[in-house]
Every structure is written in C-alpha cells, then in structure tokens.
Protein backbone atom coordinates (compact mmCIF):
# COMPACT_ATOMS: atom_id res chain seq x y z
CA MET A 1 -3.97 3.87 29.72
CA GLU A 2 -1.49 4.87 27.05
CA THR A 3 -1.50 7.90 24.76
CA PHE A 4 -1.50 7.21 21.02
CA ARG A 5 -0.87 9.63 18.17
CA PHE A 6 -1.60 8.76 14.55
CA THR A 7 -1.13 10.94 11.46
CA PRO A 8 -3.01 9.13 8.68
CA ARG A 9 -1.34 8.81 5.30
CA LEU A 10 -4.60 9.37 3.40
CA GLY A 11 -5.57 12.57 5.20
CA ARG A 12 -9.01 11.50 6.42
CA TYR A 13 -8.08 13.09 9.73
CA ARG A 14 -5.24 15.54 10.30
CA ASP A 15 -3.98 13.98 13.55
CA VAL A 16 -5.62 11.56 15.93
CA VAL A 17 -4.42 11.73 19.51
CA PHE A 18 -6.22 9.73 22.18
CA THR A 19 -5.77 8.02 25.49
CA GLY A 20 -6.82 4.40 25.58
CA LYS A 21 -5.67 0.82 25.12
CA LEU A 22 -5.06 -1.71 22.37
CA VAL A 23 -8.00 -4.13 22.32
CA ALA A 24 -6.83 -6.59 19.66
CA ARG A 25 -4.57 -7.05 16.65
CA CYS A 26 -4.62 -9.56 13.81
CA GLN A 27 -3.21 -10.17 10.34
CA THR A 28 -5.36 -9.72 7.26
CA GLU A 29 -5.10 -8.99 3.53
CA ARG A 30 -6.20 -6.01 1.49
CA ASP A 31 -5.74 -5.92 -2.29
CA GLY A 32 -3.53 -9.01 -2.00
CA LEU A 33 -1.12 -7.37 0.46
CA PRO A 34 -0.55 -8.43 4.09
CA TYR A 35 -1.76 -5.93 6.70
CA ILE A 36 -1.82 -5.73 10.48
CA ALA A 37 -5.30 -4.68 11.67
CA SER A 38 -5.60 -3.15 15.14
CA LEU A 39 -8.51 -1.89 17.21
CA TYR A 40 -8.02 0.58 20.05
CA GLN A 41 -10.55 1.49 22.72
CA THR A 42 -10.43 5.20 23.54
CA HIS A 43 -10.97 7.01 26.82
CA HIS A 44 -12.97 10.26 26.93
CA CYS A 45 -13.48 10.51 23.15
CA ARG A 46 -16.63 10.93 21.07
CA GLU A 47 -15.90 7.75 19.11
CA PRO A 48 -15.06 4.92 21.53
CA TYR A 49 -12.84 3.05 19.03
CA VAL A 50 -10.04 3.79 16.59
CA GLY A 51 -9.19 1.27 13.88
CA HIS A 52 -5.69 1.07 12.39
CA MET A 53 -4.47 -0.76 9.27
CA ALA A 54 -0.71 -0.97 8.64
CA LEU A 55 1.05 -2.74 5.80
CA SER A 56 3.12 -5.55 7.35
CA GLY A 57 6.72 -4.46 7.77
CA MET A 58 5.86 -0.85 6.90
CA GLU A 59 4.06 0.55 9.93
CA HIS A 60 4.31 4.10 8.55
CA HIS A 61 2.05 3.05 5.63
CA TYR A 62 -1.39 3.03 7.25
CA ASP A 63 -4.91 4.39 7.45
CA ILE A 64 -7.26 4.83 10.40
CA ILE A 65 -10.96 5.14 11.17
CA LYS A 66 -12.90 6.35 14.18
CA CYS A 67 -15.89 4.16 14.95
CA ARG A 68 -18.61 3.12 17.38
CA GLU A 69 -19.89 -0.31 18.41
CA ASP A 70 -22.78 -0.02 15.93
CA ASP A 71 -20.54 0.80 12.93
CA SER A 72 -20.23 -2.83 11.85
CA ASP A 73 -20.64 -2.03 8.12
CA LEU A 74 -17.94 0.63 8.33
CA MET A 75 -15.60 -1.76 10.15
CA ASP A 76 -16.28 -4.55 7.63
CA ASP A 77 -15.41 -2.20 4.76
CA PHE A 78 -12.28 -0.91 6.49
CA PHE A 79 -10.81 -4.09 8.00
CA GLY A 80 -12.44 -6.71 5.81
CA THR A 81 -15.07 -9.10 7.17
CA GLU A 82 -12.73 -11.63 8.80
CA ALA A 83 -10.54 -9.08 10.61
CA ALA A 84 -13.58 -7.01 11.67
CA PHE A 85 -15.15 -10.13 13.16
CA ILE A 86 -11.98 -11.02 15.11
CA LEU A 87 -11.33 -7.49 16.39
CA CYS A 88 -14.92 -6.72 17.32
CA GLN A 89 -15.39 -10.02 19.15
CA ALA A 90 -12.26 -9.17 21.15
CA ALA A 91 -13.83 -5.80 21.99
CA ASN A 92 -16.99 -7.58 23.23
CA MET A 93 -19.21 -5.71 20.78
CA PRO A 94 -22.77 -7.09 21.16
CA GLY A 95 -23.52 -7.62 17.46
CA TYR A 96 -20.46 -9.76 16.92
CA HIS A 97 -21.27 -12.10 19.86
CA TYR A 98 -24.41 -13.14 18.00
CA LEU A 99 -22.48 -13.86 14.80
CA GLY A 100 -20.22 -16.26 16.69
CA LYS A 101 -22.99 -18.33 18.33
CA PRO A 102 -24.15 -20.44 15.36
CA LEU A 103 -20.60 -21.67 14.67
CA SER A 104 -20.07 -22.53 18.36
CA ALA A 105 -23.40 -24.37 18.45
CA GLN A 106 -22.53 -26.39 15.33
CA GLU A 107 -19.17 -27.38 16.79
CA GLY A 108 -20.88 -28.57 19.96
CA THR A 109 -23.23 -30.91 18.06
CA ARG A 110 -20.53 -32.82 16.19
C-alpha cells in the first residue's frame, strides 16, 4: 500500500490523503483535450475509491472525486462513459461486469 496526497485544483476537497493502490489508468478526452484518468482503491476510508483526472503532460492540472462502487452515474459524469467503463471493470465493480457481457457474447457468436 502506498500513501497518496492530492490537492485538487478546483477546490472540491481541500486535501485528499489516503493509503491505497492504483487500480487502473487510461487515456480519455474531455472538452476535446487529452486526459489521463486514474482510479485508486483506498484503504480504511469512508469512500473506497478516489478518481483522478489529469491533463496529459500537465499532471498538476487535475480534479478528483471520492466515490463508491454504486456511484456509476457520478463516475460516468466525471471520467466520461468510456473511461468509467474501463476503470470500473478493472476494479471489478459488479455493475460494470454486466455491461461487458453482451459484447463478449456477441463476439463469441461470430
């Protein structure tokens, strides 16, 4: 377990310090700009996940959210649908397993 400290640029939280691990990271776009989306799993925190969005090449330019496994709408809004799907599947969140099954089933029938 590593210790992470984030000070959000938008001031939603003053400082976020937690012990945990990086679950997954992927590239995405927001407002036509390239971002790196990351999801961290926390240890001994009220919210089990912290989401992080950093503008590619400018890691100091970012925002964060605290979230739970059932916050799929919040994660979709924050990360964007594609990145939320990728990150939450990597975190083994139950709701996102179901979303992946129809595509897998279609691929298997071709």
